[in-house]
């Protein structure tokens, strides 16, 4: 499984809809990709959710500020990429 990119930083305005894409690294077999926050997988439903590798905020809230982690995993191992979100 290939390495993922550098840490990402995003600044959002509160009350808006935002989306952050996590591009899966190359790997055989193709890795599964999901988002986590504080060690727990982000749900697939709700105001903050994930869908097809995208982390979706609808709408953003100040409480969304923090560290999110995109996780990619296959039989060869696991890689991670951090996302630092600031909601102003």
N, C-alpha and C. Protein backbone atom coordinates (compact mmCIF):
# COMPACT_ATOMS: atom_id res chain seq x y z
N UNK A 1 0.86 -1.18 0.00
CA UNK A 1 0.00 0.00 0.00
C UNK A 1 0.91 1.24 0.00
N UNK A 2 0.60 2.17 -0.89
CA UNK A 2 1.43 3.37 -1.04
C UNK A 2 1.17 4.35 0.10
N UNK A 3 2.14 5.27 0.30
CA UNK A 3 1.96 6.32 1.31
C UNK A 3 0.87 7.28 0.86
N UNK A 4 0.25 7.92 1.84
CA UNK A 4 -0.76 8.94 1.56
C UNK A 4 -0.10 10.31 1.63
N UNK A 5 -0.86 11.35 1.29
CA UNK A 5 -0.30 12.69 1.23
C UNK A 5 0.01 13.28 2.60
N UNK A 6 0.48 14.51 2.55
CA UNK A 6 0.80 15.26 3.77
C UNK A 6 -0.48 15.63 4.50
N UNK A 7 -0.32 16.06 5.75
CA UNK A 7 -1.44 16.54 6.56
C UNK A 7 -2.17 17.66 5.80
N UNK A 8 -3.50 17.63 5.87
CA UNK A 8 -4.32 18.64 5.19
C UNK A 8 -4.89 19.61 6.23
N UNK A 9 -5.07 20.85 5.81
CA UNK A 9 -5.66 21.88 6.66
C UNK A 9 -6.83 22.52 5.91
N UNK A 10 -7.98 22.66 6.57
CA UNK A 10 -9.13 23.32 5.96
C UNK A 10 -9.73 24.28 6.98
N UNK A 11 -10.11 25.48 6.49
CA UNK A 11 -10.80 26.47 7.31
C UNK A 11 -12.17 26.71 6.66
N UNK A 12 -13.22 26.50 7.45
CA UNK A 12 -14.58 26.64 6.96
C UNK A 12 -15.31 27.74 7.72
N UNK A 13 -16.30 28.34 7.08
CA UNK A 13 -17.21 29.27 7.75
C UNK A 13 -18.36 28.46 8.34
N UNK A 14 -18.80 28.81 9.54
CA UNK A 14 -19.89 28.10 10.19
C UNK A 14 -21.18 28.25 9.38
N UNK A 15 -21.99 27.20 9.38
CA UNK A 15 -23.29 27.23 8.73
C UNK A 15 -23.29 26.92 7.25
N UNK A 16 -22.17 26.45 6.72
CA UNK A 16 -22.09 26.14 5.29
C UNK A 16 -21.94 24.64 5.08
N UNK A 17 -22.22 24.20 3.88
CA UNK A 17 -22.00 22.81 3.51
C UNK A 17 -20.60 22.67 2.94
N UNK A 18 -19.83 21.73 3.46
CA UNK A 18 -18.45 21.53 3.00
C UNK A 18 -18.19 20.04 2.78
N UNK A 19 -17.21 19.75 1.93
CA UNK A 19 -16.87 18.37 1.61
C UNK A 19 -15.35 18.28 1.44
N UNK A 20 -14.74 17.24 2.02
CA UNK A 20 -13.30 17.00 1.88
C UNK A 20 -13.13 15.60 1.33
N UNK A 21 -12.37 15.47 0.27
CA UNK A 21 -12.13 14.19 -0.39
C UNK A 21 -10.87 13.53 0.16
N UNK A 22 -10.94 12.24 0.37
CA UNK A 22 -9.76 11.46 0.73
C UNK A 22 -9.45 10.55 -0.44
N UNK A 23 -8.34 10.82 -1.11
CA UNK A 23 -7.95 9.99 -2.25
C UNK A 23 -7.23 8.75 -1.74
N UNK A 24 -7.74 7.56 -2.07
CA UNK A 24 -7.09 6.34 -1.60
C UNK A 24 -5.72 6.16 -2.26
N UNK A 25 -4.78 5.61 -1.50
CA UNK A 25 -3.46 5.34 -2.09
C UNK A 25 -3.54 4.12 -3.01
N UNK A 26 -2.52 3.98 -3.86
CA UNK A 26 -2.44 2.79 -4.70
C UNK A 26 -2.16 1.58 -3.82
N UNK A 27 -2.73 0.46 -4.19
CA UNK A 27 -2.47 -0.76 -3.43
C UNK A 27 -3.13 -1.95 -4.08
N UNK A 28 -2.57 -3.11 -3.82
CA UNK A 28 -3.15 -4.37 -4.29
C UNK A 28 -3.40 -5.26 -3.09
N UNK A 29 -4.64 -5.65 -2.81
CA UNK A 29 -5.86 -5.16 -3.49
C UNK A 29 -6.14 -3.70 -3.16
N UNK A 30 -7.05 -3.10 -3.91
CA UNK A 30 -7.39 -1.70 -3.69
C UNK A 30 -7.86 -1.51 -2.25
N UNK A 31 -7.28 -0.53 -1.55
CA UNK A 31 -7.61 -0.36 -0.13
C UNK A 31 -9.01 0.19 0.12
N UNK A 32 -9.58 -0.22 1.25
CA UNK A 32 -10.81 0.39 1.74
C UNK A 32 -10.43 1.72 2.40
N UNK A 33 -11.30 2.72 2.28
CA UNK A 33 -11.01 4.06 2.82
C UNK A 33 -12.18 4.51 3.69
N UNK A 34 -11.85 5.08 4.86
CA UNK A 34 -12.89 5.64 5.72
C UNK A 34 -12.30 6.77 6.56
N UNK A 35 -13.19 7.57 7.16
CA UNK A 35 -12.80 8.69 8.01
C UNK A 35 -13.04 8.35 9.47
N UNK A 36 -12.14 8.84 10.35
CA UNK A 36 -12.29 8.69 11.79
C UNK A 36 -12.10 10.04 12.46
N UNK A 37 -12.69 10.16 13.65
CA UNK A 37 -12.45 11.32 14.52
C UNK A 37 -12.33 10.77 15.93
N UNK A 38 -11.23 11.09 16.60
CA UNK A 38 -10.96 10.64 17.98
C UNK A 38 -11.03 9.11 18.07
N UNK A 39 -10.53 8.44 17.05
CA UNK A 39 -10.45 6.99 17.07
C UNK A 39 -11.74 6.26 16.73
N UNK A 40 -12.80 6.99 16.45
CA UNK A 40 -14.09 6.37 16.10
C UNK A 40 -14.44 6.69 14.65
N UNK A 41 -14.99 5.71 13.96
CA UNK A 41 -15.37 5.90 12.57
C UNK A 41 -16.50 6.92 12.47
N UNK A 42 -16.40 7.85 11.52
CA UNK A 42 -17.46 8.83 11.28
C UNK A 42 -18.65 8.09 10.67
N UNK A 43 -19.85 8.42 11.13
CA UNK A 43 -21.06 7.74 10.68
C UNK A 43 -21.34 8.00 9.20
N UNK A 44 -22.20 7.17 8.62
CA UNK A 44 -22.58 7.35 7.22
C UNK A 44 -23.85 8.20 7.09
N UNK A 45 -24.43 8.59 8.22
CA UNK A 45 -25.60 9.46 8.21
C UNK A 45 -25.41 10.55 9.26
N UNK A 46 -26.15 11.65 9.09
CA UNK A 46 -26.10 12.72 10.07
C UNK A 46 -25.50 13.99 9.49
N UNK A 47 -25.37 14.99 10.34
CA UNK A 47 -24.85 16.29 9.90
C UNK A 47 -23.41 16.19 9.44
N UNK A 48 -22.59 15.43 10.18
CA UNK A 48 -21.22 15.14 9.77
C UNK A 48 -21.19 13.66 9.41
N UNK A 49 -20.91 13.36 8.15
CA UNK A 49 -20.96 11.98 7.69
C UNK A 49 -19.91 11.72 6.62
N UNK A 50 -19.75 10.46 6.27
CA UNK A 50 -18.84 10.11 5.18
C UNK A 50 -19.59 9.32 4.12
N UNK A 51 -19.16 9.54 2.87
CA UNK A 51 -19.75 8.82 1.76
C UNK A 51 -18.71 8.71 0.64
N UNK A 52 -18.38 7.49 0.24
CA UNK A 52 -17.47 7.22 -0.88
C UNK A 52 -16.14 7.98 -0.75
N UNK A 53 -15.58 7.99 0.45
CA UNK A 53 -14.29 8.65 0.65
C UNK A 53 -14.38 10.13 0.93
N UNK A 54 -15.58 10.70 0.87
CA UNK A 54 -15.77 12.13 1.16
C UNK A 54 -16.22 12.30 2.61
N UNK A 55 -15.68 13.32 3.27
CA UNK A 55 -16.14 13.73 4.59
C UNK A 55 -17.04 14.94 4.37
N UNK A 56 -18.30 14.84 4.80
CA UNK A 56 -19.30 15.85 4.49
C UNK A 56 -19.79 16.53 5.77
N UNK A 57 -19.79 17.86 5.75
CA UNK A 57 -20.32 18.67 6.84
C UNK A 57 -21.52 19.43 6.29
N UNK A 58 -22.71 19.21 6.85
CA UNK A 58 -23.89 19.90 6.31
C UNK A 58 -24.91 20.14 7.41
N UNK A 59 -24.91 21.34 8.02
CA UNK A 59 -23.94 22.43 7.83
C UNK A 59 -22.78 22.31 8.81
N UNK A 60 -21.75 23.12 8.59
CA UNK A 60 -20.62 23.15 9.51
C UNK A 60 -21.03 23.81 10.82
N UNK A 61 -20.36 23.40 11.90
CA UNK A 61 -20.60 23.95 13.23
C UNK A 61 -19.24 24.11 13.90
N UNK A 62 -19.13 25.06 14.82
CA UNK A 62 -17.84 25.28 15.50
C UNK A 62 -17.34 24.00 16.17
N UNK A 63 -18.26 23.15 16.63
CA UNK A 63 -17.87 21.91 17.31
C UNK A 63 -17.18 20.92 16.35
N UNK A 64 -17.26 21.19 15.05
CA UNK A 64 -16.60 20.31 14.07
C UNK A 64 -15.10 20.54 14.00
N UNK A 65 -14.61 21.62 14.59
CA UNK A 65 -13.18 21.89 14.57
C UNK A 65 -12.44 20.76 15.26
N UNK A 66 -11.31 20.37 14.68
CA UNK A 66 -10.52 19.30 15.29
C UNK A 66 -9.79 18.48 14.25
N UNK A 67 -9.32 17.32 14.68
CA UNK A 67 -8.52 16.44 13.83
C UNK A 67 -9.36 15.27 13.34
N UNK A 68 -9.36 15.07 12.05
CA UNK A 68 -10.00 13.93 11.41
C UNK A 68 -8.90 13.12 10.73
N UNK A 69 -9.11 11.83 10.60
CA UNK A 69 -8.10 10.98 9.99
C UNK A 69 -8.73 10.15 8.88
N UNK A 70 -8.12 10.23 7.70
CA UNK A 70 -8.52 9.36 6.61
C UNK A 70 -7.68 8.09 6.73
N UNK A 71 -8.34 6.94 6.79
CA UNK A 71 -7.66 5.66 6.97
C UNK A 71 -7.85 4.84 5.70
N UNK A 72 -6.77 4.28 5.19
CA UNK A 72 -6.81 3.37 4.04
C UNK A 72 -6.20 2.05 4.49
N UNK A 73 -6.87 0.95 4.18
CA UNK A 73 -6.38 -0.34 4.66
C UNK A 73 -6.67 -1.44 3.64
N UNK A 74 -5.68 -2.31 3.46
CA UNK A 74 -5.87 -3.55 2.71
C UNK A 74 -5.05 -4.64 3.38
N UNK A 75 -4.92 -5.79 2.74
CA UNK A 75 -4.18 -6.91 3.35
C UNK A 75 -2.72 -6.57 3.60
N UNK A 76 -2.17 -5.62 2.84
CA UNK A 76 -0.75 -5.26 2.97
C UNK A 76 -0.49 -4.33 4.15
N UNK A 77 -1.53 -3.70 4.69
CA UNK A 77 -1.31 -2.80 5.82
C UNK A 77 -2.29 -1.66 5.85
N UNK A 78 -1.93 -0.64 6.61
CA UNK A 78 -2.80 0.52 6.82
C UNK A 78 -1.98 1.80 6.74
N UNK A 79 -2.54 2.82 6.11
CA UNK A 79 -1.93 4.15 6.04
C UNK A 79 -2.97 5.17 6.49
N UNK A 80 -2.48 6.32 6.97
CA UNK A 80 -3.38 7.36 7.46
C UNK A 80 -2.93 8.73 6.97
N UNK A 81 -3.90 9.63 6.87
CA UNK A 81 -3.64 11.03 6.52
C UNK A 81 -4.51 11.89 7.42
N UNK A 82 -3.90 12.85 8.11
CA UNK A 82 -4.66 13.72 9.02
C UNK A 82 -5.23 14.92 8.28
N UNK A 83 -6.40 15.34 8.76
CA UNK A 83 -7.06 16.54 8.31
C UNK A 83 -7.34 17.40 9.53
N UNK A 84 -6.84 18.64 9.53
CA UNK A 84 -7.10 19.58 10.62
C UNK A 84 -8.18 20.55 10.13
N UNK A 85 -9.33 20.53 10.81
CA UNK A 85 -10.47 21.39 10.43
C UNK A 85 -10.61 22.50 11.46
N UNK A 86 -10.76 23.73 10.96
CA UNK A 86 -11.08 24.88 11.80
C UNK A 86 -12.37 25.50 11.26
N UNK A 87 -13.38 25.62 12.12
CA UNK A 87 -14.64 26.26 11.72
C UNK A 87 -14.70 27.61 12.43
N UNK A 88 -14.75 28.67 11.63
CA UNK A 88 -14.75 30.03 12.17
C UNK A 88 -16.13 30.64 12.10
